[in-house]
Amino acid sequence: MMKLYKLSPSPYVRKVRVVLEETGMADAVETVEGPVSPMDPDPDLVALAPLGKIPALVREDGATLYDSRVICRYLDAKAGAGLYPEARIWEVLTLEATGDGMLDATLLMTYEGRHRTEAQYSTDWVEAQWLKVTRALDALEGRWMSHLAGPLDAGQIAVGCALGYLDLRQDARNWRAGRPALAAWFEGFAARPSMQATAPEG
């Protein structure tokens, strides 16, 4: 059985868990929950994945995969689910990168508040990260809605998890304002059983 190292609120872990749900593979993976901090990585995890980051997936043959994009691509190939369709692969990968870039920026904003002292905290840095998010949101609203409305793929999953993480960590910034199409899309996407089953608790 495969083994997934995770931390429940992680949006990158959520991406993997959504793929597991959508491909019907959730029961084929044992999950290992543990304290993971960028300041103090878990030594057991580091022994498997040198960056010490989650998610990390230990395959049946003992080899470890890490980075959510690598893991999602592997699981999709294993299941033959078509979440990375060759006919539009570059659009899917670009959309996935957009969602992951939003996650990266939002996570850096979160870390700035959690892991830096008041004297170290940089409002300019936080706002620069938020600007990345708003540019991505505007691009989604303006250029990606037809793709988001199409058949399920890995790009949609990445964006859905990114928007869910914004609700979790940056809800006061109200990303939905001025983006009615994206907000409506996410309302429907968030209702998918895979998203409901993986909703973070905190």
C-alpha atoms as a PDB file:
ATOM      1  CA  MET A   1       0.000   0.000   0.000  1.00  0.00           C
ATOM      2  CA  MET A   2       1.204   3.504  -0.777  1.00  0.00           C
ATOM      3  CA  LYS A   3       1.816   5.921   2.097  1.00  0.00           C
ATOM      4  CA  LEU A   4       1.093   9.662   1.982  1.00  0.00           C
ATOM      5  CA  TYR A   5       2.820  11.998   4.414  1.00  0.00           C
ATOM      6  CA  LYS A   6       0.526  14.938   5.020  1.00  0.00           C
ATOM      7  CA  LEU A   7      -0.535  17.807   7.230  1.00  0.00           C
ATOM      8  CA  SER A   8      -4.289  18.276   7.076  1.00  0.00           C
ATOM      9  CA  PRO A   9      -4.524  22.057   6.432  1.00  0.00           C
ATOM     10  CA  SER A  10      -1.890  21.918   3.664  1.00  0.00           C
ATOM     11  CA  PRO A  11      -3.426  22.950   0.337  1.00  0.00           C
ATOM     12  CA  TYR A  12      -0.750  20.967  -1.523  1.00  0.00           C
ATOM     13  CA  VAL A  13      -1.778  17.844   0.375  1.00  0.00           C
ATOM     14  CA  ARG A  14      -5.385  18.658  -0.401  1.00  0.00           C
ATOM     15  CA  LYS A  15      -4.596  18.624  -4.121  1.00  0.00           C
ATOM     16  CA  VAL A  16      -3.276  15.086  -3.798  1.00  0.00           C
ATOM     17  CA  ARG A  17      -6.211  13.972  -1.683  1.00  0.00           C
ATOM     18  CA  VAL A  18      -8.687  15.415  -4.198  1.00  0.00           C
ATOM     19  CA  VAL A  19      -6.950  13.468  -6.968  1.00  0.00           C
ATOM     20  CA  LEU A  20      -7.133  10.321  -4.842  1.00  0.00           C
ATOM     21  CA  GLU A  21     -10.862  10.868  -4.330  1.00  0.00           C
ATOM     22  CA  GLU A  22     -11.534  11.670  -7.987  1.00  0.00           C
ATOM     23  CA  THR A  23      -9.608   8.613  -9.189  1.00  0.00           C
ATOM     24  CA  GLY A  24     -11.152   6.238  -6.640  1.00  0.00           C
ATOM     25  CA  MET A  25      -7.739   5.517  -5.119  1.00  0.00           C
ATOM     26  CA  ALA A  26      -8.252   6.961  -1.630  1.00  0.00           C
ATOM     27  CA  ASP A  27      -8.460   3.503  -0.045  1.00  0.00           C
ATOM     28  CA  ALA A  28      -5.166   2.470  -1.680  1.00  0.00           C
ATOM     29  CA  VAL A  29      -3.154   4.991   0.330  1.00  0.00           C
ATOM     30  CA  GLU A  30      -2.302   5.065   4.023  1.00  0.00           C
ATOM     31  CA  THR A  31      -1.967   8.598   5.378  1.00  0.00           C
ATOM     32  CA  VAL A  32       0.608   9.645   7.959  1.00  0.00           C
ATOM     33  CA  GLU A  33      -0.123  12.866   9.835  1.00  0.00           C
ATOM     34  CA  GLY A  34       2.632  14.609  11.681  1.00  0.00           C
ATOM     35  CA  PRO A  35       3.981  17.964  12.787  1.00  0.00           C
ATOM     36  CA  VAL A  36       5.749  19.623   9.890  1.00  0.00           C
ATOM     37  CA  SER A  37       7.330  23.033  10.254  1.00  0.00           C
ATOM     38  CA  PRO A  38       9.586  24.864   7.810  1.00  0.00           C
ATOM     39  CA  MET A  39      11.727  25.735  10.823  1.00  0.00           C
ATOM     40  CA  ASP A  40      11.888  22.195  12.223  1.00  0.00           C
ATOM     41  CA  PRO A  41      11.203  19.492   9.607  1.00  0.00           C
ATOM     42  CA  ASP A  42      10.304  15.976  10.631  1.00  0.00           C
ATOM     43  CA  PRO A  43      13.486  13.823  10.501  1.00  0.00           C
ATOM     44  CA  ASP A  44      11.517  10.767   9.351  1.00  0.00           C
ATOM     45  CA  LEU A  45      10.128  12.773   6.447  1.00  0.00           C
ATOM     46  CA  VAL A  46      13.546  14.229   5.603  1.00  0.00           C
ATOM     47  CA  ALA A  47      14.932  10.692   5.383  1.00  0.00           C
ATOM     48  CA  LEU A  48      12.406  10.015   2.614  1.00  0.00           C
ATOM     49  CA  ALA A  49      12.204  13.434   0.971  1.00  0.00           C
ATOM     50  CA  PRO A  50      15.320  15.588   1.417  1.00  0.00           C
ATOM     51  CA  LEU A  51      13.472  18.897   1.142  1.00  0.00           C
ATOM     52  CA  GLY A  52      11.402  17.910   4.171  1.00  0.00           C
ATOM     53  CA  LYS A  53       8.232  19.151   2.501  1.00  0.00           C
ATOM     54  CA  ILE A  54       4.774  17.669   2.264  1.00  0.00           C
ATOM     55  CA  PRO A  55       3.128  16.000   0.522  1.00  0.00           C
ATOM     56  CA  ALA A  56       5.408  13.041   0.039  1.00  0.00           C
ATOM     57  CA  LEU A  57       4.170   9.741  -1.384  1.00  0.00           C
ATOM     58  CA  VAL A  58       5.936   6.460  -0.711  1.00  0.00           C
ATOM     59  CA  ARG A  59       5.126   4.088  -3.561  1.00  0.00           C
ATOM     60  CA  GLU A  60       4.579   0.347  -3.211  1.00  0.00           C
ATOM     61  CA  ASP A  61       8.153  -0.258  -4.370  1.00  0.00           C
ATOM     62  CA  GLY A  62       9.510   1.971  -1.589  1.00  0.00           C
ATOM     63  CA  ALA A  63      10.516   4.909  -3.781  1.00  0.00           C
ATOM     64  CA  THR A  64       9.335   8.332  -2.606  1.00  0.00           C
ATOM     65  CA  LEU A  65       7.771  11.026  -4.747  1.00  0.00           C
ATOM     66  CA  TYR A  66       7.453  14.610  -3.550  1.00  0.00           C
ATOM     67  CA  ASP A  67       5.948  17.872  -4.799  1.00  0.00           C
ATOM     68  CA  SER A  68       2.191  17.845  -5.332  1.00  0.00           C
ATOM     69  CA  ARG A  69       2.487  18.233  -9.107  1.00  0.00           C
ATOM     70  CA  VAL A  70       4.705  15.163  -9.387  1.00  0.00           C
ATOM     71  CA  ILE A  71       2.466  13.122  -7.099  1.00  0.00           C
ATOM     72  CA  CYS A  72      -0.753  14.155  -8.859  1.00  0.00           C
ATOM     73  CA  ARG A  73       0.720  13.326 -12.249  1.00  0.00           C
ATOM     74  CA  TYR A  74       1.858   9.917 -10.971  1.00  0.00           C
ATOM     75  CA  LEU A  75      -1.523   9.076  -9.437  1.00  0.00           C
ATOM     76  CA  ASP A  76      -3.348  10.145 -12.585  1.00  0.00           C
ATOM     77  CA  ALA A  77      -1.093   7.959 -14.730  1.00  0.00           C
ATOM     78  CA  LYS A  78      -1.538   5.039 -12.352  1.00  0.00           C
ATOM     79  CA  ALA A  79      -5.324   5.360 -12.427  1.00  0.00           C
ATOM     80  CA  GLY A  80      -5.600   6.297 -16.110  1.00  0.00           C
ATOM     81  CA  ALA A  81      -7.999   9.041 -15.072  1.00  0.00           C
ATOM     82  CA  GLY A  82      -7.163  11.585 -17.782  1.00  0.00           C
ATOM     83  CA  LEU A  83      -6.614  14.556 -15.481  1.00  0.00           C
ATOM     84  CA  TYR A  84      -3.662  15.540 -17.696  1.00  0.00           C
ATOM     85  CA  PRO A  85      -5.204  15.124 -21.179  1.00  0.00           C
ATOM     86  CA  GLU A  86      -2.587  15.192 -23.903  1.00  0.00           C
ATOM     87  CA  ALA A  87      -4.814  17.190 -26.259  1.00  0.00           C
ATOM     88  CA  ARG A  88      -4.641  20.240 -23.972  1.00  0.00           C
ATOM     89  CA  ILE A  89      -1.708  19.347 -21.761  1.00  0.00           C
ATOM     90  CA  TRP A  90       0.011  22.748 -21.913  1.00  0.00           C
ATOM     91  CA  GLU A  91      -3.143  24.576 -20.894  1.00  0.00           C
ATOM     92  CA  VAL A  92      -3.694  22.134 -18.028  1.00  0.00           C
ATOM     93  CA  LEU A  93      -0.106  22.463 -16.801  1.00  0.00           C
ATOM     94  CA  THR A  94      -0.218  26.260 -17.055  1.00  0.00           C
ATOM     95  CA  LEU A  95      -3.474  26.383 -15.109  1.00  0.00           C
ATOM     96  CA  GLU A  96      -2.033  24.028 -12.497  1.00  0.00           C
ATOM     97  CA  ALA A  97       1.022  26.278 -12.205  1.00  0.00           C
ATOM     98  CA  THR A  98      -1.276  29.278 -11.765  1.00  0.00           C
ATOM     99  CA  GLY A  99      -3.130  27.584  -8.922  1.00  0.00           C
ATOM    100  CA  ASP A 100       0.108  26.466  -7.302  1.00  0.00           C
ATOM    101  CA  GLY A 101       1.582  29.958  -7.667  1.00  0.00           C
ATOM    102  CA  MET A 102      -1.408  31.361  -5.803  1.00  0.00           C
ATOM    103  CA  LEU A 103      -0.828  28.768  -3.099  1.00  0.00           C
ATOM    104  CA  ASP A 104       2.858  29.647  -2.883  1.00  0.00           C
ATOM    105  CA  ALA A 105       2.101  33.347  -2.407  1.00  0.00           C
ATOM    106  CA  THR A 106      -0.686  32.753   0.105  1.00  0.00           C
ATOM    107  CA  LEU A 107       1.465  30.370   2.106  1.00  0.00           C
ATOM    108  CA  LEU A 108       4.305  32.918   2.207  1.00  0.00           C
ATOM    109  CA  MET A 109       1.847  35.469   3.571  1.00  0.00           C
ATOM    110  CA  THR A 110       0.813  32.984   6.248  1.00  0.00           C
ATOM    111  CA  TYR A 111       4.407  32.148   7.160  1.00  0.00           C
ATOM    112  CA  GLU A 112       5.296  35.832   7.413  1.00  0.00           C
ATOM    113  CA  GLY A 113       2.739  36.190  10.185  1.00  0.00           C
ATOM    114  CA  ARG A 114       3.538  32.933  11.933  1.00  0.00           C
ATOM    115  CA  HIS A 115       7.297  32.541  11.773  1.00  0.00           C
ATOM    116  CA  ARG A 116       8.693  36.063  11.893  1.00  0.00           C
ATOM    117  CA  THR A 117       8.870  38.433  14.830  1.00  0.00           C
ATOM    118  CA  GLU A 118       7.005  41.716  14.833  1.00  0.00           C
ATOM    119  CA  ALA A 119      10.266  43.516  14.040  1.00  0.00           C
ATOM    120  CA  GLN A 120      10.964  41.199  11.110  1.00  0.00           C
ATOM    121  CA  TYR A 121       7.450  41.305   9.687  1.00  0.00           C
ATOM    122  CA  SER A 122       7.259  43.114   6.340  1.00  0.00           C
ATOM    123  CA  THR A 123       3.936  44.553   5.238  1.00  0.00           C
ATOM    124  CA  ASP A 124       5.471  45.354   1.855  1.00  0.00           C
ATOM    125  CA  TRP A 125       6.443  41.701   1.405  1.00  0.00           C
ATOM    126  CA  VAL A 126       2.959  40.509   2.320  1.00  0.00           C
ATOM    127  CA  GLU A 127       1.311  42.958  -0.049  1.00  0.00           C
ATOM    128  CA  ALA A 128       3.692  41.967  -2.849  1.00  0.00           C
ATOM    129  CA  GLN A 129       2.568  38.366  -2.398  1.00  0.00           C
ATOM    130  CA  TRP A 130      -1.068  39.418  -2.400  1.00  0.00           C
ATOM    131  CA  LEU A 131      -0.509  41.300  -5.645  1.00  0.00           C
ATOM    132  CA  LYS A 132       0.610  38.028  -7.244  1.00  0.00           C
ATOM    133  CA  VAL A 133      -2.611  36.417  -6.071  1.00  0.00           C
ATOM    134  CA  THR A 134      -4.813  39.219  -7.375  1.00  0.00           C
ATOM    135  CA  ARG A 135      -3.130  39.135 -10.783  1.00  0.00           C
ATOM    136  CA  ALA A 136      -3.746  35.403 -10.971  1.00  0.00           C
ATOM    137  CA  LEU A 137      -7.368  35.829  -9.879  1.00  0.00           C
ATOM    138  CA  ASP A 138      -7.930  38.471 -12.536  1.00  0.00           C
ATOM    139  CA  ALA A 139      -6.381  36.214 -15.177  1.00  0.00           C
ATOM    140  CA  LEU A 140      -8.671  33.367 -14.137  1.00  0.00           C
ATOM    141  CA  GLU A 141     -11.729  35.626 -14.338  1.00  0.00           C
ATOM    142  CA  GLY A 142     -10.703  37.159 -17.635  1.00  0.00           C
ATOM    143  CA  ARG A 143      -9.114  34.322 -19.591  1.00  0.00           C
ATOM    144  CA  TRP A 144      -9.661  30.916 -18.031  1.00  0.00           C
ATOM    145  CA  MET A 145     -13.383  30.553 -17.377  1.00  0.00           C
ATOM    146  CA  SER A 146     -14.078  28.476 -20.495  1.00  0.00           C
ATOM    147  CA  HIS A 147     -11.362  26.020 -19.442  1.00  0.00           C
ATOM    148  CA  LEU A 148     -12.593  25.925 -15.854  1.00  0.00           C
ATOM    149  CA  ALA A 149     -16.079  25.125 -17.144  1.00  0.00           C
ATOM    150  CA  GLY A 150     -14.792  22.152 -19.161  1.00  0.00           C
ATOM    151  CA  PRO A 151     -14.092  18.536 -18.190  1.00  0.00           C
ATOM    152  CA  LEU A 152     -12.328  18.023 -14.872  1.00  0.00           C
ATOM    153  CA  ASP A 153      -8.549  18.196 -15.016  1.00  0.00           C
ATOM    154  CA  ALA A 154      -5.573  18.784 -12.721  1.00  0.00           C
ATOM    155  CA  GLY A 155      -5.541  22.503 -13.439  1.00  0.00           C
ATOM    156  CA  GLN A 156      -9.062  22.886 -12.112  1.00  0.00           C
ATOM    157  CA  ILE A 157      -8.141  20.925  -8.998  1.00  0.00           C
ATOM    158  CA  ALA A 158      -5.153  23.190  -8.333  1.00  0.00           C
ATOM    159  CA  VAL A 159      -7.242  26.334  -8.741  1.00  0.00           C
ATOM    160  CA  GLY A 160     -10.038  24.937  -6.591  1.00  0.00           C
ATOM    161  CA  CYS A 161      -7.615  24.126  -3.785  1.00  0.00           C
ATOM    162  CA  ALA A 162      -6.004  27.558  -4.094  1.00  0.00           C
ATOM    163  CA  LEU A 163      -9.341  29.330  -3.769  1.00  0.00           C
ATOM    164  CA  GLY A 164     -10.255  27.147  -0.821  1.00  0.00           C
ATOM    165  CA  TYR A 165      -6.977  28.069   0.862  1.00  0.00           C
ATOM    166  CA  LEU A 166      -7.686  31.766   0.305  1.00  0.00           C
ATOM    167  CA  ASP A 167     -10.993  31.264   2.120  1.00  0.00           C
ATOM    168  CA  LEU A 168      -9.157  29.534   4.957  1.00  0.00           C
ATOM    169  CA  ARG A 169      -6.259  31.974   5.434  1.00  0.00           C
ATOM    170  CA  GLN A 170      -7.162  35.261   3.691  1.00  0.00           C
ATOM    171  CA  ASP A 171     -10.943  35.382   3.855  1.00  0.00           C
ATOM    172  CA  ALA A 172     -10.971  39.032   4.974  1.00  0.00           C
ATOM    173  CA  ARG A 173      -9.459  40.087   1.633  1.00  0.00           C
ATOM    174  CA  ASN A 174     -12.613  38.898  -0.169  1.00  0.00           C
ATOM    175  CA  TRP A 175     -11.116  37.498  -3.372  1.00  0.00           C
ATOM    176  CA  ARG A 176     -14.629  37.111  -4.843  1.00  0.00           C
ATOM    177  CA  ALA A 177     -15.181  40.887  -5.131  1.00  0.00           C
ATOM    178  CA  GLY A 178     -15.275  41.884  -8.793  1.00  0.00           C
ATOM    179  CA  ARG A 179     -14.914  38.284  -9.980  1.00  0.00           C
ATOM    180  CA  PRO A 180     -18.472  36.925 -10.239  1.00  0.00           C
ATOM    181  CA  ALA A 181     -17.722  34.206 -12.798  1.00  0.00           C
ATOM    182  CA  LEU A 182     -14.864  32.745 -10.796  1.00  0.00           C
ATOM    183  CA  ALA A 183     -16.882  32.949  -7.578  1.00  0.00           C
ATOM    184  CA  ALA A 184     -19.797  31.101  -9.199  1.00  0.00           C
ATOM    185  CA  TRP A 185     -17.483  28.454 -10.618  1.00  0.00           C
ATOM    186  CA  PHE A 186     -15.875  27.856  -7.237  1.00  0.00           C
ATOM    187  CA  GLU A 187     -19.238  27.538  -5.520  1.00  0.00           C
ATOM    188  CA  GLY A 188     -20.028  24.614  -7.790  1.00  0.00           C
ATOM    189  CA  PHE A 189     -16.557  23.122  -7.680  1.00  0.00           C
ATOM    190  CA  ALA A 190     -16.378  23.283  -3.884  1.00  0.00           C
ATOM    191  CA  ALA A 191     -19.548  21.195  -3.722  1.00  0.00           C
ATOM    192  CA  ARG A 192     -17.870  18.228  -5.428  1.00  0.00           C
ATOM    193  CA  PRO A 193     -17.686  15.213  -3.084  1.00  0.00           C
ATOM    194  CA  SER A 194     -13.883  15.179  -3.420  1.00  0.00           C
ATOM    195  CA  MET A 195     -13.666  18.775  -2.209  1.00  0.00           C
ATOM    196  CA  GLN A 196     -16.124  18.187   0.589  1.00  0.00           C
ATOM    197  CA  ALA A 197     -14.217  15.127   1.751  1.00  0.00           C
ATOM    198  CA  THR A 198     -10.918  17.036   1.885  1.00  0.00           C
ATOM    199  CA  ALA A 199     -12.102  20.375   3.319  1.00  0.00           C
ATOM    200  CA  PRO A 200      -9.540  21.636   5.875  1.00  0.00           C
ATOM    201  CA  GLU A 201     -10.604  22.130   9.461  1.00  0.00           C
ATOM    202  CA  GLY A 202      -8.073  24.780  10.414  1.00  0.00           C
END
